Structures are given as structure tokens and as C-alpha cells.
Amino acid sequence: MSSRTKIIVLHMKEIIYTAVFAALGIVLIILLFIMFRPGAEKPQPSGEQKYTPGIYTSMLSLNNTNLEVEVAVDQNRITSIRFSNLDETVTAMFPLIQPAIEEIADQIYESQSLDDISLPEDTPYTSQIILDAVREAVEKAAVH
């Protein structure tokens, strides 16, 4: 029996370089996957502001009664939505107007968006008018 023994000589420097480059390649692939994975939300820079802080108003007309919708914002959030001149005669004529704006405001506070707001079933038209007035006031506050 004749066996031929093959001896392979590896230089330690080549093994170290190969291991380092393989580790760097794996780290690069992991970083690329984390950075560009589908569905990843891009964080909003903290220095960028969405609104100019202040109180913004828009008018709303219901049966020849003018109401003023007041929206208070800080740099990145809607903080308050209310009627500024709602008196007892208006609430007597439109008893569901205050609960409608409160329900809309709660949804806006939670999502901080005017999209996908579900309108109350008992007052869909009045709620839509209120939502349009809130949208108008928020557009005034938006940083362009």
C-alpha cells in the first residue's frame, strides 16, 4: 500500500486575515439587514418640529350660529381641541355637539393624526364639519 501524505502549510497571518474579513462581512450583512429591512419605520428627527406652537382657530357655522374651534399645539403634538365660544343656547339647540368634539379630540390626542378618525354614528354630519374645522386650524399651525 502506497499512501501519499499531503502536507498543507497555512500561514497564521492568512488565517487571521480571513477570519477578520469574514467577521467584518457578517457584521456588514447584519447591519444592512437591520437598516434596510422592509417595514422599518424611520424615526422622526427630534429637532424637526411639525407645528408652530400656539393656539389656532377656525370658524364653524351651524344654523347661522358661528362657533370657533380652538386647537392648541406645541412643537410636535396637538394638546387641546375645544370650542372657545360655546354657550348654553348653542348647547341647548345642539345637545350632541360637545360629546362629538370630545370624541373626535380623544381620537386625535391618541393618534396625533387627523387621518382615520371614526365619526360618531349619532352625529356623522356635524362631526364631519367639526373635523373639517379642526383640520383647517391644524393646517394653520403646520410648519411649511
C-alpha atoms as a PDB file:
ATOM      1  CA  MET A   1       0.000   0.000   0.000  1.00  0.00           C
ATOM      2  CA  SER A   2       1.243   3.242  -1.000  1.00  0.00           C
ATOM      3  CA  SER A   3      -0.234   6.271   0.598  1.00  0.00           C
ATOM      4  CA  ARG A   4       0.666   9.693  -0.327  1.00  0.00           C
ATOM      5  CA  THR A   5       0.553  12.111   2.505  1.00  0.00           C
ATOM      6  CA  LYS A   6      -0.179  15.682   1.579  1.00  0.00           C
ATOM      7  CA  ILE A   7       1.011  18.362   3.829  1.00  0.00           C
ATOM      8  CA  ILE A   8      -0.720  21.705   3.632  1.00  0.00           C
ATOM      9  CA  VAL A   9       1.117  24.657   5.051  1.00  0.00           C
ATOM     10  CA  LEU A  10      -1.025  27.530   6.235  1.00  0.00           C
ATOM     11  CA  HIS A  11       0.457  30.752   7.358  1.00  0.00           C
ATOM     12  CA  MET A  12      -1.061  32.041  10.571  1.00  0.00           C
ATOM     13  CA  LYS A  13      -1.264  35.566   9.124  1.00  0.00           C
ATOM     14  CA  GLU A  14      -3.530  34.348   6.304  1.00  0.00           C
ATOM     15  CA  ILE A  15      -5.854  32.570   8.744  1.00  0.00           C
ATOM     16  CA  ILE A  16      -6.181  35.680  10.905  1.00  0.00           C
ATOM     17  CA  TYR A  17      -6.872  37.919   7.895  1.00  0.00           C
ATOM     18  CA  THR A  18      -9.501  35.504   6.602  1.00  0.00           C
ATOM     19  CA  ALA A  19     -11.227  35.323   9.996  1.00  0.00           C
ATOM     20  CA  VAL A  20     -11.229  39.115  10.408  1.00  0.00           C
ATOM     21  CA  PHE A  21     -12.647  39.714   6.919  1.00  0.00           C
ATOM     22  CA  ALA A  22     -15.288  37.006   7.404  1.00  0.00           C
ATOM     23  CA  ALA A  23     -16.358  38.594  10.721  1.00  0.00           C
ATOM     24  CA  LEU A  24     -16.499  42.057   9.131  1.00  0.00           C
ATOM     25  CA  GLY A  25     -18.568  40.652   6.253  1.00  0.00           C
ATOM     26  CA  ILE A  26     -21.065  39.101   8.662  1.00  0.00           C
ATOM     27  CA  VAL A  27     -21.343  42.334  10.686  1.00  0.00           C
ATOM     28  CA  LEU A  28     -21.875  44.322   7.463  1.00  0.00           C
ATOM     29  CA  ILE A  29     -24.638  41.969   6.298  1.00  0.00           C
ATOM     30  CA  ILE A  30     -26.376  42.196   9.696  1.00  0.00           C
ATOM     31  CA  LEU A  31     -26.175  45.995   9.709  1.00  0.00           C
ATOM     32  CA  LEU A  32     -27.534  46.227   6.165  1.00  0.00           C
ATOM     33  CA  PHE A  33     -30.404  43.929   7.073  1.00  0.00           C
ATOM     34  CA  ILE A  34     -31.280  45.963  10.164  1.00  0.00           C
ATOM     35  CA  MET A  35     -31.076  49.299   8.357  1.00  0.00           C
ATOM     36  CA  PHE A  36     -32.984  48.368   5.218  1.00  0.00           C
ATOM     37  CA  ARG A  37     -35.422  45.697   6.353  1.00  0.00           C
ATOM     38  CA  PRO A  38     -38.944  46.107   4.961  1.00  0.00           C
ATOM     39  CA  GLY A  39     -41.485  47.733   7.219  1.00  0.00           C
ATOM     40  CA  ALA A  40     -38.922  49.526   9.331  1.00  0.00           C
ATOM     41  CA  GLU A  41     -40.204  52.887  10.471  1.00  0.00           C
ATOM     42  CA  LYS A  42     -37.848  55.756  10.026  1.00  0.00           C
ATOM     43  CA  PRO A  43     -37.553  57.682  13.272  1.00  0.00           C
ATOM     44  CA  GLN A  44     -38.572  61.291  13.105  1.00  0.00           C
ATOM     45  CA  PRO A  45     -35.692  63.590  13.976  1.00  0.00           C
ATOM     46  CA  SER A  46     -36.268  65.102  17.386  1.00  0.00           C
ATOM     47  CA  GLY A  47     -35.099  68.520  16.245  1.00  0.00           C
ATOM     48  CA  GLU A  48     -37.670  68.761  13.466  1.00  0.00           C
ATOM     49  CA  GLN A  49     -40.935  70.323  14.516  1.00  0.00           C
ATOM     50  CA  LYS A  50     -44.321  69.652  12.966  1.00  0.00           C
ATOM     51  CA  TYR A  51     -46.206  72.677  14.295  1.00  0.00           C
ATOM     52  CA  THR A  52     -45.563  76.234  15.291  1.00  0.00           C
ATOM     53  CA  PRO A  53     -46.557  76.295  18.984  1.00  0.00           C
ATOM     54  CA  GLY A  54     -49.650  78.310  19.765  1.00  0.00           C
ATOM     55  CA  ILE A  55     -53.443  78.383  19.681  1.00  0.00           C
ATOM     56  CA  TYR A  56     -55.117  78.339  16.269  1.00  0.00           C
ATOM     57  CA  THR A  57     -58.789  78.857  15.494  1.00  0.00           C
ATOM     58  CA  SER A  58     -61.211  78.255  12.673  1.00  0.00           C
ATOM     59  CA  MET A  59     -64.859  79.171  12.293  1.00  0.00           C
ATOM     60  CA  LEU A  60     -67.717  76.716  12.140  1.00  0.00           C
ATOM     61  CA  SER A  61     -71.247  77.690  11.175  1.00  0.00           C
ATOM     62  CA  LEU A  62     -74.305  75.745  12.366  1.00  0.00           C
ATOM     63  CA  ASN A  63     -77.733  77.210  11.515  1.00  0.00           C
ATOM     64  CA  ASN A  64     -76.486  80.813  11.407  1.00  0.00           C
ATOM     65  CA  THR A  65     -74.569  80.278  14.660  1.00  0.00           C
ATOM     66  CA  ASN A  66     -70.838  80.837  14.398  1.00  0.00           C
ATOM     67  CA  LEU A  67     -68.669  78.682  16.613  1.00  0.00           C
ATOM     68  CA  GLU A  68     -64.942  78.964  16.979  1.00  0.00           C
ATOM     69  CA  VAL A  69     -62.909  75.751  17.148  1.00  0.00           C
ATOM     70  CA  GLU A  70     -59.699  76.287  19.076  1.00  0.00           C
ATOM     71  CA  VAL A  71     -56.727  73.957  18.613  1.00  0.00           C
ATOM     72  CA  ALA A  72     -53.645  74.296  20.829  1.00  0.00           C
ATOM     73  CA  VAL A  73     -50.382  72.732  19.660  1.00  0.00           C
ATOM     74  CA  ASP A  74     -46.813  72.511  20.860  1.00  0.00           C
ATOM     75  CA  GLN A  75     -43.876  71.692  18.571  1.00  0.00           C
ATOM     76  CA  ASN A  76     -44.856  68.087  17.839  1.00  0.00           C
ATOM     77  CA  ARG A  77     -48.279  67.426  19.396  1.00  0.00           C
ATOM     78  CA  ILE A  78     -51.871  68.562  19.357  1.00  0.00           C
ATOM     79  CA  THR A  79     -52.545  69.328  23.007  1.00  0.00           C
ATOM     80  CA  SER A  80     -56.086  70.715  23.128  1.00  0.00           C
ATOM     81  CA  ILE A  81     -59.212  70.902  20.958  1.00  0.00           C
ATOM     82  CA  ARG A  82     -62.276  72.777  22.150  1.00  0.00           C
ATOM     83  CA  PHE A  83     -64.972  75.312  21.290  1.00  0.00           C
ATOM     84  CA  SER A  84     -63.972  78.754  22.520  1.00  0.00           C
ATOM     85  CA  ASN A  85     -67.405  80.426  22.386  1.00  0.00           C
ATOM     86  CA  LEU A  86     -69.847  77.631  23.147  1.00  0.00           C
ATOM     87  CA  ASP A  87     -72.697  78.963  25.263  1.00  0.00           C
ATOM     88  CA  GLU A  88     -75.844  77.441  26.760  1.00  0.00           C
ATOM     89  CA  THR A  89     -78.150  78.405  23.886  1.00  0.00           C
ATOM     90  CA  VAL A  90     -75.960  76.580  21.366  1.00  0.00           C
ATOM     91  CA  THR A  91     -75.710  73.501  23.582  1.00  0.00           C
ATOM     92  CA  ALA A  92     -79.498  73.577  24.011  1.00  0.00           C
ATOM     93  CA  MET A  93     -80.002  73.737  20.239  1.00  0.00           C
ATOM     94  CA  PHE A  94     -77.286  71.133  19.521  1.00  0.00           C
ATOM     95  CA  PRO A  95     -77.027  68.873  22.557  1.00  0.00           C
ATOM     96  CA  LEU A  96     -74.706  66.355  20.882  1.00  0.00           C
ATOM     97  CA  ILE A  97     -72.130  68.870  19.687  1.00  0.00           C
ATOM     98  CA  GLN A  98     -69.995  68.826  22.850  1.00  0.00           C
ATOM     99  CA  PRO A  99     -69.813  64.994  23.064  1.00  0.00           C
ATOM    100  CA  ALA A 100     -68.985  64.881  19.332  1.00  0.00           C
ATOM    101  CA  ILE A 101     -65.986  67.217  19.644  1.00  0.00           C
ATOM    102  CA  GLU A 102     -64.796  65.391  22.761  1.00  0.00           C
ATOM    103  CA  GLU A 103     -64.892  62.029  20.973  1.00  0.00           C
ATOM    104  CA  ILE A 104     -63.046  63.426  17.947  1.00  0.00           C
ATOM    105  CA  ALA A 105     -60.499  65.148  20.204  1.00  0.00           C
ATOM    106  CA  ASP A 106     -59.816  61.926  22.133  1.00  0.00           C
ATOM    107  CA  GLN A 107     -59.062  60.072  18.897  1.00  0.00           C
ATOM    108  CA  ILE A 108     -56.779  62.864  17.697  1.00  0.00           C
ATOM    109  CA  TYR A 109     -54.915  63.006  21.037  1.00  0.00           C
ATOM    110  CA  GLU A 110     -54.319  59.265  20.876  1.00  0.00           C
ATOM    111  CA  SER A 111     -53.134  59.050  17.259  1.00  0.00           C
ATOM    112  CA  GLN A 112     -51.842  62.620  16.789  1.00  0.00           C
ATOM    113  CA  SER A 113     -53.261  62.422  13.281  1.00  0.00           C
ATOM    114  CA  LEU A 114     -56.415  63.599  11.544  1.00  0.00           C
ATOM    115  CA  ASP A 115     -56.483  60.515   9.321  1.00  0.00           C
ATOM    116  CA  ASP A 116     -58.703  57.512  10.046  1.00  0.00           C
ATOM    117  CA  ILE A 117     -60.921  59.296  12.573  1.00  0.00           C
ATOM    118  CA  SER A 118     -64.139  57.370  13.106  1.00  0.00           C
ATOM    119  CA  LEU A 119     -67.111  59.696  13.348  1.00  0.00           C
ATOM    120  CA  PRO A 120     -69.862  59.062  15.916  1.00  0.00           C
ATOM    121  CA  GLU A 121     -72.857  57.291  14.404  1.00  0.00           C
ATOM    122  CA  ASP A 122     -75.406  59.581  16.039  1.00  0.00           C
ATOM    123  CA  THR A 123     -73.874  62.802  14.599  1.00  0.00           C
ATOM    124  CA  PRO A 124     -71.899  61.972  11.437  1.00  0.00           C
ATOM    125  CA  TYR A 125     -72.555  65.225   9.560  1.00  0.00           C
ATOM    126  CA  THR A 126     -71.920  67.558  12.488  1.00  0.00           C
ATOM    127  CA  SER A 127     -68.826  65.552  13.369  1.00  0.00           C
ATOM    128  CA  GLN A 128     -67.526  65.872   9.816  1.00  0.00           C
ATOM    129  CA  ILE A 129     -67.989  69.659   9.968  1.00  0.00           C
ATOM    130  CA  ILE A 130     -66.132  69.738  13.302  1.00  0.00           C
ATOM    131  CA  LEU A 131     -63.341  67.565  11.890  1.00  0.00           C
ATOM    132  CA  ASP A 132     -63.008  69.878   8.873  1.00  0.00           C
ATOM    133  CA  ALA A 133     -62.740  72.901  11.191  1.00  0.00           C
ATOM    134  CA  VAL A 134     -60.086  71.125  13.291  1.00  0.00           C
ATOM    135  CA  ARG A 135     -58.200  70.213  10.100  1.00  0.00           C
ATOM    136  CA  GLU A 136     -58.272  73.858   8.988  1.00  0.00           C
ATOM    137  CA  ALA A 137     -56.866  75.037  12.327  1.00  0.00           C
ATOM    138  CA  VAL A 138     -54.142  72.352  12.309  1.00  0.00           C
ATOM    139  CA  GLU A 139     -53.133  73.355   8.761  1.00  0.00           C
ATOM    140  CA  LYS A 140     -52.625  76.898  10.059  1.00  0.00           C
ATOM    141  CA  ALA A 141     -50.311  75.502  12.752  1.00  0.00           C
ATOM    142  CA  ALA A 142     -48.291  73.242  10.440  1.00  0.00           C
ATOM    143  CA  VAL A 143     -44.697  74.194   9.711  1.00  0.00           C
ATOM    144  CA  HIS A 144     -44.245  74.606   5.983  1.00  0.00           C
END
